[in-house]
PDB file of N, CA and C in Angstrom:
ATOM      1  N   MET A   1      11.258  10.428   4.822  1.00  0.00           N
ATOM      2  CA  MET A   1      10.480  11.806   4.250  1.00  0.00           C
ATOM      3  C   MET A   1      10.820  11.471   2.535  1.00  0.00           C
ATOM      4  N   LYS A   2      12.004  11.066   2.438  1.00  0.00           N
ATOM      5  CA  LYS A   2      12.187  10.873   0.965  1.00  0.00           C
ATOM      6  C   LYS A   2      11.396   9.836   0.105  1.00  0.00           C
ATOM      7  N   THR A   3      10.964   8.691   1.112  1.00  0.00           N
ATOM      8  CA  THR A   3       9.980   7.906   0.498  1.00  0.00           C
ATOM      9  C   THR A   3       8.491   8.610   0.296  1.00  0.00           C
ATOM     10  N   ALA A   4       8.137   9.197   1.286  1.00  0.00           N
ATOM     11  CA  ALA A   4       6.838  10.291   0.824  1.00  0.00           C
ATOM     12  C   ALA A   4       6.824  10.936  -0.424  1.00  0.00           C
ATOM     13  N   LEU A   5       8.079  11.807  -0.307  1.00  0.00           N
ATOM     14  CA  LEU A   5       8.117  12.474  -1.935  1.00  0.00           C
ATOM     15  C   LEU A   5       8.198  11.503  -3.058  1.00  0.00           C
ATOM     16  N   ARG A   6       8.796  10.777  -2.897  1.00  0.00           N
ATOM     17  CA  ARG A   6       8.822   9.725  -4.266  1.00  0.00           C
ATOM     18  C   ARG A   6       7.564   9.518  -4.512  1.00  0.00           C
ATOM     19  N   ALA A   7       6.671   8.749  -3.357  1.00  0.00           N
ATOM     20  CA  ALA A   7       5.302   8.327  -3.691  1.00  0.00           C
ATOM     21  C   ALA A   7       4.638   9.644  -4.216  1.00  0.00           C
ATOM     22  N   VAL A   8       4.480  10.661  -3.795  1.00  0.00           N
ATOM     23  CA  VAL A   8       3.864  11.906  -4.418  1.00  0.00           C
ATOM     24  C   VAL A   8       4.294  12.020  -5.885  1.00  0.00           C
ATOM     25  N   GLY A   9       5.324  11.934  -5.913  1.00  0.00           N
ATOM     26  CA  GLY A   9       5.770  12.164  -7.474  1.00  0.00           C
ATOM     27  C   GLY A   9       5.189  11.384  -8.342  1.00  0.00           C
ATOM     28  N   LEU A  10       5.373  10.272  -7.860  1.00  0.00           N
ATOM     29  CA  LEU A  10       5.209   9.202  -8.841  1.00  0.00           C
ATOM     30  C   LEU A  10       3.466   9.053  -8.927  1.00  0.00           C
ATOM     31  N   ALA A  11       2.853   9.436  -7.934  1.00  0.00           N
ATOM     32  CA  ALA A  11       1.468   9.621  -7.718  1.00  0.00           C
ATOM     33  C   ALA A  11       0.904  10.632  -9.237  1.00  0.00           C
ATOM     34  N   VAL A  12       1.875  11.751  -8.984  1.00  0.00           N
ATOM     35  CA  VAL A  12       1.587  13.021 -10.134  1.00  0.00           C
ATOM     36  C   VAL A  12       2.144  12.240 -11.292  1.00  0.00           C
ATOM     37  N   LEU A  13       2.928  11.471 -11.697  1.00  0.00           N
ATOM     38  CA  LEU A  13       3.457  11.169 -12.561  1.00  0.00           C
ATOM     39  C   LEU A  13       2.640  10.028 -13.448  1.00  0.00           C
ATOM     40  N   SER A  14       1.645   9.082 -12.191  1.00  0.00           N
ATOM     41  CA  SER A  14       0.787   8.334 -12.956  1.00  0.00           C
ATOM     42  C   SER A  14      -0.515   9.236 -13.539  1.00  0.00           C
ATOM     43  N   LEU A  15      -1.031  10.252 -13.010  1.00  0.00           N
ATOM     44  CA  LEU A  15      -1.963  10.860 -13.128  1.00  0.00           C
ATOM     45  C   LEU A  15      -1.714  11.741 -14.376  1.00  0.00           C
ATOM     46  N   TRP A  16      -0.621  11.926 -14.563  1.00  0.00           N
ATOM     47  CA  TRP A  16      -0.190  12.669 -15.932  1.00  0.00           C
ATOM     48  C   TRP A  16      -0.214  12.113 -16.986  1.00  0.00           C
ATOM     49  N   MET A  17       0.249  10.292 -16.409  1.00  0.00           N
ATOM     50  CA  MET A  17       0.338   9.167 -17.654  1.00  0.00           C
ATOM     51  C   MET A  17      -1.128   8.728 -17.858  1.00  0.00           C
ATOM     52  N   GLY A  18      -2.106   9.145 -17.136  1.00  0.00           N
ATOM     53  CA  GLY A  18      -3.392   8.732 -17.340  1.00  0.00           C
ATOM     54  C   GLY A  18      -3.716   7.475 -16.466  1.00  0.00           C
ATOM     55  N   CYS A  19      -2.911   7.063 -15.620  1.00  0.00           N
ATOM     56  CA  CYS A  19      -2.978   5.949 -14.681  1.00  0.00           C
ATOM     57  C   CYS A  19      -3.924   6.340 -13.534  1.00  0.00           C
ATOM     58  N   ALA A  20      -3.762   7.152 -13.078  1.00  0.00           N
ATOM     59  CA  ALA A  20      -4.373   7.872 -11.628  1.00  0.00           C
ATOM     60  C   ALA A  20      -4.795   6.459 -10.876  1.00  0.00           C
ATOM     61  N   ASN A  21      -3.611   5.852 -10.351  1.00  0.00           N
ATOM     62  CA  ASN A  21      -3.451   5.096  -9.539  1.00  0.00           C
ATOM     63  C   ASN A  21      -2.278   5.419  -8.231  1.00  0.00           C
ATOM     64  N   PHE A  22      -2.938   6.084  -7.577  1.00  0.00           N
ATOM     65  CA  PHE A  22      -1.746   6.892  -6.368  1.00  0.00           C
ATOM     66  C   PHE A  22      -1.526   5.164  -5.827  1.00  0.00           C
ATOM     67  N   ASP A  23      -2.380   4.253  -4.881  1.00  0.00           N
ATOM     68  CA  ASP A  23      -1.947   3.152  -4.404  1.00  0.00           C
ATOM     69  C   ASP A  23      -1.260   2.230  -5.266  1.00  0.00           C
ATOM     70  N   GLY A  24      -1.285   2.204  -6.284  1.00  0.00           N
ATOM     71  CA  GLY A  24      -0.315   0.984  -7.138  1.00  0.00           C
ATOM     72  C   GLY A  24       1.087   2.108  -6.941  1.00  0.00           C
ATOM     73  N   ALA A  25       0.761   3.653  -7.118  1.00  0.00           N
ATOM     74  CA  ALA A  25       2.155   3.720  -6.893  1.00  0.00           C
ATOM     75  C   ALA A  25       3.175   3.829  -5.697  1.00  0.00           C
ATOM     76  N   VAL A  26       2.231   3.880  -4.646  1.00  0.00           N
ATOM     77  CA  VAL A  26       2.788   3.800  -3.626  1.00  0.00           C
ATOM     78  C   VAL A  26       3.305   2.417  -2.758  1.00  0.00           C
ATOM     79  N   ARG A  27       2.532   1.649  -3.600  1.00  0.00           N
ATOM     80  CA  ARG A  27       3.000  -0.074  -3.278  1.00  0.00           C
ATOM     81  C   ARG A  27       4.209  -0.646  -4.326  1.00  0.00           C
ATOM     82  N   ALA A  28       4.361   0.042  -5.687  1.00  0.00           N
ATOM     83  CA  ALA A  28       5.254   0.408  -6.284  1.00  0.00           C
ATOM     84  C   ALA A  28       6.460   0.340  -5.854  1.00  0.00           C
ATOM     85  N   LEU A  29       6.955   1.263  -4.533  1.00  0.00           N
ATOM     86  CA  LEU A  29       7.668   1.543  -3.670  1.00  0.00           C
ATOM     87  C   LEU A  29       8.185   0.439  -2.495  1.00  0.00           C
ATOM     88  N   SER A  30       7.482  -0.387  -2.755  1.00  0.00           N
ATOM     89  CA  SER A  30       7.932  -1.589  -1.515  1.00  0.00           C
ATOM     90  C   SER A  30       9.410  -1.869  -1.894  1.00  0.00           C
ATOM     91  N   PRO A  31       9.842  -2.257  -0.792  1.00  0.00           N
ATOM     92  CA  PRO A  31      11.560  -2.526  -0.938  1.00  0.00           C
ATOM     93  C   PRO A  31      11.600  -4.142  -1.602  1.00  0.00           C
ATOM     94  N   LYS A  32      10.560  -4.593  -2.159  1.00  0.00           N
ATOM     95  CA  LYS A  32      10.482  -5.856  -3.034  1.00  0.00           C
ATOM     96  C   LYS A  32      10.819  -5.421  -4.414  1.00  0.00           C
ATOM     97  N   VAL A  33      10.713  -3.926  -4.621  1.00  0.00           N
ATOM     98  CA  VAL A  33      10.352  -3.675  -6.368  1.00  0.00           C
ATOM     99  C   VAL A  33      11.690  -3.317  -6.292  1.00  0.00           C
ATOM    100  N   SER A  34      12.305  -3.345  -7.420  1.00  0.00           N
ATOM    101  CA  SER A  34      13.745  -2.766  -7.803  1.00  0.00           C
ATOM    102  C   SER A  34      13.605  -1.423  -8.528  1.00  0.00           C
ATOM    103  N   ARG A  35      14.359  -0.715  -8.547  1.00  0.00           N
ATOM    104  CA  ARG A  35      13.938   0.497  -9.205  1.00  0.00           C
ATOM    105  C   ARG A  35      13.949   0.607 -10.717  1.00  0.00           C
ATOM    106  N   ASP A  36      14.616  -0.490 -11.015  1.00  0.00           N
ATOM    107  CA  ASP A  36      14.453  -0.666 -12.736  1.00  0.00           C
ATOM    108  C   ASP A  36      13.300  -1.349 -13.261  1.00  0.00           C
ATOM    109  N   THR A  37      12.911  -2.110 -12.199  1.00  0.00           N
ATOM    110  CA  THR A  37      11.393  -2.554 -12.506  1.00  0.00           C
ATOM    111  C   THR A  37      10.300  -1.628 -12.277  1.00  0.00           C
ATOM    112  N   LEU A  38      10.692  -1.042 -11.533  1.00  0.00           N
ATOM    113  CA  LEU A  38       9.269   0.496 -11.368  1.00  0.00           C
ATOM    114  C   LEU A  38       9.355   1.165 -12.389  1.00  0.00           C
ATOM    115  N   LYS A  39      10.975   1.631 -13.168  1.00  0.00           N
ATOM    116  CA  LYS A  39      11.093   2.491 -14.140  1.00  0.00           C
ATOM    117  C   LYS A  39      10.589   1.756 -15.394  1.00  0.00           C
ATOM    118  N   ALA A  40      10.719   0.282 -15.731  1.00  0.00           N
ATOM    119  CA  ALA A  40      10.063  -0.475 -16.901  1.00  0.00           C
ATOM    120  C   ALA A  40       8.719  -0.326 -16.641  1.00  0.00           C
ATOM    121  N   LYS A  41       7.976  -0.416 -15.430  1.00  0.00           N
ATOM    122  CA  LYS A  41       6.381  -0.508 -15.608  1.00  0.00           C
ATOM    123  C   LYS A  41       5.966   0.830 -16.253  1.00  0.00           C
ATOM    124  N   ILE A  42       6.403   1.986 -15.585  1.00  0.00           N
ATOM    125  CA  ILE A  42       6.097   3.449 -15.841  1.00  0.00           C
ATOM    126  C   ILE A  42       6.144   3.373 -16.962  1.00  0.00           C
ATOM    127  N   LEU A  43       7.658   3.274 -17.861  1.00  0.00           N
ATOM    128  CA  LEU A  43       7.610   3.111 -19.176  1.00  0.00           C
ATOM    129  C   LEU A  43       6.812   2.080 -20.307  1.00  0.00           C
ATOM    130  N   GLU A  44       6.529   1.157 -19.728  1.00  0.00           N
ATOM    131  CA  GLU A  44       5.667   0.243 -20.401  1.00  0.00           C
ATOM    132  C   GLU A  44       4.048   0.804 -20.716  1.00  0.00           C
ATOM    133  N   THR A  45       3.552   1.599 -19.762  1.00  0.00           N
ATOM    134  CA  THR A  45       2.315   1.914 -19.863  1.00  0.00           C
ATOM    135  C   THR A  45       2.460   3.320 -20.904  1.00  0.00           C
ATOM    136  N   GLN A  46       3.936   4.066 -21.012  1.00  0.00           N
ATOM    137  CA  GLN A  46       3.839   5.280 -21.807  1.00  0.00           C
ATOM    138  C   GLN A  46       4.074   4.586 -23.207  1.00  0.00           C
ATOM    139  N   LYS A  47       4.938   3.821 -22.972  1.00  0.00           N
ATOM    140  CA  LYS A  47       4.662   3.115 -24.516  1.00  0.00           C
ATOM    141  C   LYS A  47       3.657   2.555 -25.439  1.00  0.00           C
ATOM    142  N   ALA A  48       2.748   2.185 -24.701  1.00  0.00           N
ATOM    143  CA  ALA A  48       1.409   1.545 -25.239  1.00  0.00           C
ATOM    144  C   ALA A  48       0.683   2.818 -25.523  1.00  0.00           C
ATOM    145  N   ARG A  49       0.615   4.130 -24.645  1.00  0.00           N
ATOM    146  CA  ARG A  49      -0.141   5.078 -24.910  1.00  0.00           C
ATOM    147  C   ARG A  49       0.501   5.565 -26.397  1.00  0.00           C
ATOM    148  N   LEU A  50       1.913   5.596 -26.428  1.00  0.00           N
ATOM    149  CA  LEU A  50       2.708   5.876 -27.708  1.00  0.00           C
ATOM    150  C   LEU A  50       2.123   5.290 -28.644  1.00  0.00           C
ATOM    151  N   ASP A  51       2.023   4.091 -28.753  1.00  0.00           N
ATOM    152  CA  ASP A  51       1.664   3.140 -29.840  1.00  0.00           C
ATOM    153  C   ASP A  51       0.392   2.981 -30.130  1.00  0.00           C
ATOM    154  N   ALA A  52      -0.230   3.880 -29.674  1.00  0.00           N
ATOM    155  CA  ALA A  52      -1.908   4.215 -29.817  1.00  0.00           C
ATOM    156  C   ALA A  52      -1.902   5.340 -30.903  1.00  0.00           C
ATOM    157  N   ALA A  53      -1.114   6.193 -30.250  1.00  0.00           N
ATOM    158  CA  ALA A  53      -0.881   7.368 -30.926  1.00  0.00           C
ATOM    159  C   ALA A  53      -0.658   7.466 -32.248  1.00  0.00           C
ATOM    160  N   VAL A  54       0.568   6.468 -32.571  1.00  0.00           N
ATOM    161  CA  VAL A  54       1.285   6.154 -33.874  1.00  0.00           C
ATOM    162  C   VAL A  54       0.328   5.780 -34.831  1.00  0.00           C
ATOM    163  N   ALA A  55      -0.611   4.651 -33.724  1.00  0.00           N
ATOM    164  CA  ALA A  55      -1.605   3.619 -34.818  1.00  0.00           C
ATOM    165  C   ALA A  55      -2.843   4.613 -35.183  1.00  0.00           C
ATOM    166  N   ALA A  56      -3.216   5.658 -34.683  1.00  0.00           N
ATOM    167  CA  ALA A  56      -4.293   6.437 -34.748  1.00  0.00           C
ATOM    168  C   ALA A  56      -3.892   7.772 -35.666  1.00  0.00           C
ATOM    169  N   GLY A  57      -2.437   7.567 -35.943  1.00  0.00           N
ATOM    170  CA  GLY A  57      -1.818   8.984 -36.928  1.00  0.00           C
ATOM    171  C   GLY A  57      -1.852  10.086 -36.094  1.00  0.00           C
ATOM    172  N   ARG A  58      -1.734  10.007 -35.216  1.00  0.00           N
ATOM    173  CA  ARG A  58      -1.646  11.544 -34.404  1.00  0.00           C
ATOM    174  C   ARG A  58       0.056  11.778 -33.843  1.00  0.00           C
ATOM    175  N   MET A  59       0.863  10.965 -33.876  1.00  0.00           N
ATOM    176  CA  MET A  59       2.487  10.960 -33.848  1.00  0.00           C
ATOM    177  C   MET A  59       2.577   9.962 -34.741  1.00  0.00           C
ATOM    178  N   THR A  60       4.133  10.350 -35.200  1.00  0.00           N
ATOM    179  CA  THR A  60       4.831   9.699 -35.974  1.00  0.00           C
ATOM    180  C   THR A  60       6.207   9.096 -35.107  1.00  0.00           C
ATOM    181  N   ALA A  61       6.561   7.882 -35.853  1.00  0.00           N
ATOM    182  CA  ALA A  61       7.545   7.277 -34.973  1.00  0.00           C
ATOM    183  C   ALA A  61       8.732   8.087 -34.533  1.00  0.00           C
ATOM    184  N   GLU A  62       9.167   8.726 -35.240  1.00  0.00           N
ATOM    185  CA  GLU A  62       9.992   9.727 -35.003  1.00  0.00           C
ATOM    186  C   GLU A  62       9.778  10.590 -33.460  1.00  0.00           C
ATOM    187  N   GLN A  63       8.563  11.065 -33.271  1.00  0.00           N
ATOM    188  CA  GLN A  63       8.004  11.770 -32.377  1.00  0.00           C
ATOM    189  C   GLN A  63       8.167  10.817 -31.118  1.00  0.00           C
ATOM    190  N   THR A  64       7.430   9.750 -31.273  1.00  0.00           N
ATOM    191  CA  THR A  64       7.424   9.031 -30.150  1.00  0.00           C
ATOM    192  C   THR A  64       8.924   8.319 -29.686  1.00  0.00           C
ATOM    193  N   GLN A  65       9.492   8.460 -30.519  1.00  0.00           N
ATOM    194  CA  GLN A  65      11.018   8.019 -30.017  1.00  0.00           C
ATOM    195  C   GLN A  65      11.660   9.039 -29.277  1.00  0.00           C
ATOM    196  N   GLN A  66      11.153  10.673 -29.495  1.00  0.00           N
ATOM    197  CA  GLN A  66      11.757  11.381 -28.539  1.00  0.00           C
ATOM    198  C   GLN A  66      10.910  11.739 -27.774  1.00  0.00           C
ATOM    199  N   ALA A  67       9.679  11.082 -27.654  1.00  0.00           N
ATOM    200  CA  ALA A  67       8.947  11.299 -26.402  1.00  0.00           C
ATOM    201  C   ALA A  67       9.304  10.207 -25.225  1.00  0.00           C
ATOM    202  N   SER A  68       9.468   9.137 -25.753  1.00  0.00           N
ATOM    203  CA  SER A  68      10.143   8.030 -25.055  1.00  0.00           C
ATOM    204  C   SER A  68      11.363   8.480 -24.384  1.00  0.00           C
ATOM    205  N   ALA A  69      12.558   9.192 -25.074  1.00  0.00           N
ATOM    206  CA  ALA A  69      13.830   9.422 -24.495  1.00  0.00           C
ATOM    207  C   ALA A  69      13.517  10.405 -23.521  1.00  0.00           C
ATOM    208  N   ARG A  70      12.390  11.523 -23.565  1.00  0.00           N
ATOM    209  CA  ARG A  70      11.909  12.665 -22.606  1.00  0.00           C
ATOM    210  C   ARG A  70      11.585  11.925 -21.283  1.00  0.00           C
ATOM    211  N   MET A  71      10.717  11.077 -21.372  1.00  0.00           N
ATOM    212  CA  MET A  71      10.262  10.272 -20.649  1.00  0.00           C
ATOM    213  C   MET A  71      11.073   9.170 -19.635  1.00  0.00           C
ATOM    214  N   SER A  72      11.685   8.684 -20.216  1.00  0.00           N
ATOM    215  CA  SER A  72      12.891   8.027 -19.453  1.00  0.00           C
ATOM    216  C   SER A  72      13.729   8.791 -18.814  1.00  0.00           C
ATOM    217  N   ALA A  73      14.096   9.729 -19.128  1.00  0.00           N
ATOM    218  CA  ALA A  73      14.912  11.077 -18.495  1.00  0.00           C
ATOM    219  C   ALA A  73      14.199  11.787 -17.417  1.00  0.00           C
ATOM    220  N   ASN A  74      12.656  11.851 -17.575  1.00  0.00           N
ATOM    221  CA  ASN A  74      12.056  12.281 -16.510  1.00  0.00           C
ATOM    222  C   ASN A  74      12.025  11.136 -15.464  1.00  0.00           C
ATOM    223  N   VAL A  75      11.752  10.056 -15.796  1.00  0.00           N
ATOM    224  CA  VAL A  75      11.338   9.368 -14.824  1.00  0.00           C
ATOM    225  C   VAL A  75      12.921   8.693 -13.769  1.00  0.00           C
ATOM    226  N   ASP A  76      14.079   8.953 -14.637  1.00  0.00           N
ATOM    227  CA  ASP A  76      15.209   9.110 -14.124  1.00  0.00           C
ATOM    228  C   ASP A  76      15.383   9.905 -12.802  1.00  0.00           C
ATOM    229  N   ARG A  77      15.226  11.106 -13.005  1.00  0.00           N
ATOM    230  CA  ARG A  77      15.067  12.184 -12.399  1.00  0.00           C
ATOM    231  C   ARG A  77      14.182  12.181 -11.104  1.00  0.00           C
ATOM    232  N   LEU A  78      12.983  11.690 -11.290  1.00  0.00           N
ATOM    233  CA  LEU A  78      11.998  11.755 -10.152  1.00  0.00           C
ATOM    234  C   LEU A  78      12.652  10.343  -9.366  1.00  0.00           C
ATOM    235  N   LEU A  79      13.072   9.236 -10.096  1.00  0.00           N
ATOM    236  CA  LEU A  79      13.249   8.132  -9.155  1.00  0.00           C
ATOM    237  C   LEU A  79      14.755   8.244  -8.219  1.00  0.00           C
ATOM    238  N   ASP A  80      15.217   9.033  -8.944  1.00  0.00           N
ATOM    239  CA  ASP A  80      17.235   9.409  -8.376  1.00  0.00           C
ATOM    240  C   ASP A  80      16.613  10.559  -7.100  1.00  0.00           C
ATOM    241  N   ALA A  81      15.760  11.364  -7.130  1.00  0.00           N
ATOM    242  CA  ALA A  81      15.349  12.628  -6.700  1.00  0.00           C
ATOM    243  C   ALA A  81      15.357  12.061  -4.994  1.00  0.00           C
TER     244      ALA A  81
END
C-alpha cells in the first residue's frame, strides 16, 4: 500500500512539475533505484525549469534558491511518507 501511495504522490508531483509522466514515476519506484537517485532526478527536472525562468527574467537567482530549497524539502516529505 505504501508503494502505491508513493507512486500516486510521485505522479502528482510529476504533473505539478510539468513532467506528466505517471509511468516514469511508477518505474522510478523500482527496487533498483535508490531514494537519493530518485530525488536527484526529480530535482534535476525542477532545476532546469528554474534556470529557464532566470534566463527569461521571470525569477531572480535568490528566488530560485528559495524555490529549490522548498522543493527539496517537499520531495523529502513525499519520499519519506
